[in-house]
Amino acid sequence: PSPPSPPWSPPLPPRPPSPPSPPTPPNRPPPSPPSPPSPPFRPQSIACRCAADGISGGTPTNVYGCADHDASGHPWCYVVDPPNCLAVTFSARFPEAGWVPCTDGHEGERGLCLNSCIAAADGVCD
């Protein structure tokens, strides 16, 4: 004898229609590129400027501007922002302060040329 046939089953109902696709967003221009990062440090002409107020790296030194402060025959000055001045030598007396040789009577970046022309603001020693 042959195996019994399965009972008859009605056909499956049709599937409901798929939901509609979401609308396509309007054409938008691509996003703008991010802004370039800020410079990591001050320009040398500012960072290496002689501290006319006697404050170097936030430390009061009581040494003002460019002069032969220690009677060594070599003028020097503490700078405004030592960590960002390439030509700086950090001070043993004031650890947060730094100094550069300078031209006596001239404030600012002119003194950098005695130490390193590459650090001069315009790249040319005066």
C-alpha atoms as a PDB file:
ATOM      1  CA  PRO A   1       0.000   0.000   0.000  1.00  0.00           C
ATOM      2  CA  SER A   2       1.099   3.496  -0.651  1.00  0.00           C
ATOM      3  CA  PRO A   3       1.479   6.068   2.124  1.00  0.00           C
ATOM      4  CA  PRO A   4      -1.536   8.203   2.763  1.00  0.00           C
ATOM      5  CA  SER A   5      -1.553  11.551   1.027  1.00  0.00           C
ATOM      6  CA  PRO A   6      -1.447  14.627   3.152  1.00  0.00           C
ATOM      7  CA  PRO A   7      -4.692  16.404   3.644  1.00  0.00           C
ATOM      8  CA  TRP A   8      -5.440  19.104   1.187  1.00  0.00           C
ATOM      9  CA  SER A   9      -4.489  22.658   2.233  1.00  0.00           C
ATOM     10  CA  PRO A  10      -5.768  25.848   0.678  1.00  0.00           C
ATOM     11  CA  PRO A  11      -3.294  28.133  -1.114  1.00  0.00           C
ATOM     12  CA  LEU A  12      -1.595  30.831   0.937  1.00  0.00           C
ATOM     13  CA  PRO A  13      -3.133  34.288   0.766  1.00  0.00           C
ATOM     14  CA  PRO A  14      -1.177  36.843  -1.283  1.00  0.00           C
ATOM     15  CA  ARG A  15       1.469  38.872   0.545  1.00  0.00           C
ATOM     16  CA  PRO A  16       0.618  42.434   1.433  1.00  0.00           C
ATOM     17  CA  PRO A  17       2.409  45.021  -0.692  1.00  0.00           C
ATOM     18  CA  SER A  18       5.799  46.316   0.561  1.00  0.00           C
ATOM     19  CA  PRO A  19       5.804  49.744   2.172  1.00  0.00           C
ATOM     20  CA  PRO A  20       6.915  52.513  -0.161  1.00  0.00           C
ATOM     21  CA  SER A  21      10.626  53.505  -0.176  1.00  0.00           C
ATOM     22  CA  PRO A  22      11.474  56.652   1.770  1.00  0.00           C
ATOM     23  CA  PRO A  23      11.675  59.755  -0.378  1.00  0.00           C
ATOM     24  CA  THR A  24      15.085  60.635  -1.780  1.00  0.00           C
ATOM     25  CA  PRO A  25      16.580  63.649   0.016  1.00  0.00           C
ATOM     26  CA  PRO A  26      17.017  66.755  -2.113  1.00  0.00           C
ATOM     27  CA  ASN A  27      20.436  67.198  -3.668  1.00  0.00           C
ATOM     28  CA  ARG A  28      22.646  68.985  -1.186  1.00  0.00           C
ATOM     29  CA  PRO A  29      26.159  70.231  -1.796  1.00  0.00           C
ATOM     30  CA  PRO A  30      28.846  68.225  -0.008  1.00  0.00           C
ATOM     31  CA  PRO A  31      29.783  69.539   3.439  1.00  0.00           C
ATOM     32  CA  SER A  32      32.534  72.141   3.590  1.00  0.00           C
ATOM     33  CA  PRO A  33      35.959  70.861   4.596  1.00  0.00           C
ATOM     34  CA  PRO A  34      36.955  71.586   8.193  1.00  0.00           C
ATOM     35  CA  SER A  35      38.824  74.786   8.947  1.00  0.00           C
ATOM     36  CA  PRO A  36      42.602  74.462   9.121  1.00  0.00           C
ATOM     37  CA  PRO A  37      43.948  74.070  12.648  1.00  0.00           C
ATOM     38  CA  SER A  38      45.200  77.111  14.497  1.00  0.00           C
ATOM     39  CA  PRO A  39      48.945  77.543  14.626  1.00  0.00           C
ATOM     40  CA  PRO A  40      50.305  75.608  17.600  1.00  0.00           C
ATOM     41  CA  PHE A  41      52.326  78.573  18.787  1.00  0.00           C
ATOM     42  CA  ARG A  42      52.681  82.311  18.514  1.00  0.00           C
ATOM     43  CA  PRO A  43      54.688  83.776  15.647  1.00  0.00           C
ATOM     44  CA  GLN A  44      58.367  84.104  16.521  1.00  0.00           C
ATOM     45  CA  SER A  45      58.167  87.884  16.262  1.00  0.00           C
ATOM     46  CA  ILE A  46      55.796  87.872  19.254  1.00  0.00           C
ATOM     47  CA  ALA A  47      57.029  84.874  21.268  1.00  0.00           C
ATOM     48  CA  CYS A  48      60.676  85.985  21.106  1.00  0.00           C
ATOM     49  CA  ARG A  49      60.049  89.674  21.754  1.00  0.00           C
ATOM     50  CA  CYS A  50      62.041  91.069  24.665  1.00  0.00           C
ATOM     51  CA  ALA A  51      59.851  91.325  27.771  1.00  0.00           C
ATOM     52  CA  ALA A  52      59.681  95.071  28.334  1.00  0.00           C
ATOM     53  CA  ASP A  53      57.492  94.488  31.421  1.00  0.00           C
ATOM     54  CA  GLY A  54      59.965  92.080  33.093  1.00  0.00           C
ATOM     55  CA  ILE A  55      57.588  89.078  32.784  1.00  0.00           C
ATOM     56  CA  SER A  56      58.818  86.052  30.848  1.00  0.00           C
ATOM     57  CA  GLY A  57      56.587  83.002  30.493  1.00  0.00           C
ATOM     58  CA  GLY A  58      54.306  84.433  33.182  1.00  0.00           C
ATOM     59  CA  THR A  59      57.211  84.726  35.646  1.00  0.00           C
ATOM     60  CA  PRO A  60      58.183  88.151  37.043  1.00  0.00           C
ATOM     61  CA  THR A  61      61.959  88.483  36.512  1.00  0.00           C
ATOM     62  CA  ASN A  62      62.486  92.199  37.287  1.00  0.00           C
ATOM     63  CA  VAL A  63      64.727  92.257  34.196  1.00  0.00           C
ATOM     64  CA  TYR A  64      63.365  94.724  31.646  1.00  0.00           C
ATOM     65  CA  GLY A  65      64.042  94.803  27.902  1.00  0.00           C
ATOM     66  CA  CYS A  66      67.355  94.332  26.109  1.00  0.00           C
ATOM     67  CA  ALA A  67      70.540  95.372  27.889  1.00  0.00           C
ATOM     68  CA  ASP A  68      73.798  94.030  29.298  1.00  0.00           C
ATOM     69  CA  HIS A  69      71.960  93.047  32.479  1.00  0.00           C
ATOM     70  CA  ASP A  70      74.849  91.116  34.063  1.00  0.00           C
ATOM     71  CA  ALA A  71      77.767  93.332  32.916  1.00  0.00           C
ATOM     72  CA  SER A  72      79.093  90.439  30.806  1.00  0.00           C
ATOM     73  CA  GLY A  73      79.583  92.640  27.746  1.00  0.00           C
ATOM     74  CA  HIS A  74      76.783  90.762  25.934  1.00  0.00           C
ATOM     75  CA  PRO A  75      73.274  92.235  25.851  1.00  0.00           C
ATOM     76  CA  TRP A  76      70.399  89.812  26.347  1.00  0.00           C
ATOM     77  CA  CYS A  77      66.741  89.849  27.333  1.00  0.00           C
ATOM     78  CA  TYR A  78      64.088  87.597  28.748  1.00  0.00           C
ATOM     79  CA  VAL A  79      61.441  86.840  26.108  1.00  0.00           C
ATOM     80  CA  VAL A  80      57.657  87.116  26.306  1.00  0.00           C
ATOM     81  CA  ASP A  81      56.725  83.480  25.483  1.00  0.00           C
ATOM     82  CA  PRO A  82      59.702  81.149  25.973  1.00  0.00           C
ATOM     83  CA  PRO A  83      58.030  77.797  25.099  1.00  0.00           C
ATOM     84  CA  ASN A  84      57.152  79.154  21.645  1.00  0.00           C
ATOM     85  CA  CYS A  85      60.450  80.896  20.896  1.00  0.00           C
ATOM     86  CA  LEU A  86      62.796  78.658  18.884  1.00  0.00           C
ATOM     87  CA  ALA A  87      65.918  80.647  19.759  1.00  0.00           C
ATOM     88  CA  VAL A  88      65.357  80.677  23.546  1.00  0.00           C
ATOM     89  CA  THR A  89      67.652  79.417  26.289  1.00  0.00           C
ATOM     90  CA  PHE A  90      65.655  78.590  29.411  1.00  0.00           C
ATOM     91  CA  SER A  91      66.718  80.365  32.585  1.00  0.00           C
ATOM     92  CA  ALA A  92      68.330  78.492  35.470  1.00  0.00           C
ATOM     93  CA  ARG A  93      67.131  81.191  37.879  1.00  0.00           C
ATOM     94  CA  PHE A  94      63.524  81.361  36.619  1.00  0.00           C
ATOM     95  CA  PRO A  95      62.575  77.916  35.193  1.00  0.00           C
ATOM     96  CA  GLU A  96      59.505  79.225  33.298  1.00  0.00           C
ATOM     97  CA  ALA A  97      61.463  82.144  31.798  1.00  0.00           C
ATOM     98  CA  GLY A  98      63.815  82.133  28.818  1.00  0.00           C
ATOM     99  CA  TRP A  99      66.303  84.529  27.270  1.00  0.00           C
ATOM    100  CA  VAL A 100      67.935  85.373  23.940  1.00  0.00           C
ATOM    101  CA  PRO A 101      70.917  87.519  22.987  1.00  0.00           C
ATOM    102  CA  CYS A 102      69.737  90.871  21.656  1.00  0.00           C
ATOM    103  CA  THR A 103      71.014  94.161  20.282  1.00  0.00           C
ATOM    104  CA  ASP A 104      71.317  96.637  23.137  1.00  0.00           C
ATOM    105  CA  GLY A 105      68.722  99.367  22.790  1.00  0.00           C
ATOM    106  CA  HIS A 106      66.596  97.404  20.280  1.00  0.00           C
ATOM    107  CA  GLU A 107      63.496  95.643  21.514  1.00  0.00           C
ATOM    108  CA  GLY A 108      61.734  92.823  19.738  1.00  0.00           C
ATOM    109  CA  GLU A 109      62.772  90.239  17.208  1.00  0.00           C
ATOM    110  CA  ARG A 110      65.967  91.946  15.985  1.00  0.00           C
ATOM    111  CA  GLY A 111      67.846  90.108  18.723  1.00  0.00           C
ATOM    112  CA  LEU A 112      66.919  86.773  17.194  1.00  0.00           C
ATOM    113  CA  CYS A 113      69.381  87.257  14.369  1.00  0.00           C
ATOM    114  CA  LEU A 114      72.282  86.977  16.790  1.00  0.00           C
ATOM    115  CA  ASN A 115      71.087  83.495  17.718  1.00  0.00           C
ATOM    116  CA  SER A 116      69.352  82.097  14.637  1.00  0.00           C
ATOM    117  CA  CYS A 117      68.388  83.760  11.346  1.00  0.00           C
ATOM    118  CA  ILE A 118      65.765  81.095  10.711  1.00  0.00           C
ATOM    119  CA  ALA A 119      63.835  82.447  13.724  1.00  0.00           C
ATOM    120  CA  ALA A 120      63.768  86.036  12.406  1.00  0.00           C
ATOM    121  CA  ALA A 121      60.229  87.067  11.506  1.00  0.00           C
ATOM    122  CA  ASP A 122      61.096  87.909   7.889  1.00  0.00           C
ATOM    123  CA  GLY A 123      63.875  85.302   7.525  1.00  0.00           C
ATOM    124  CA  VAL A 124      66.451  88.062   6.948  1.00  0.00           C
ATOM    125  CA  CYS A 125      68.902  89.244   9.562  1.00  0.00           C
ATOM    126  CA  ASP A 126      68.836  93.006   9.983  1.00  0.00           C
END
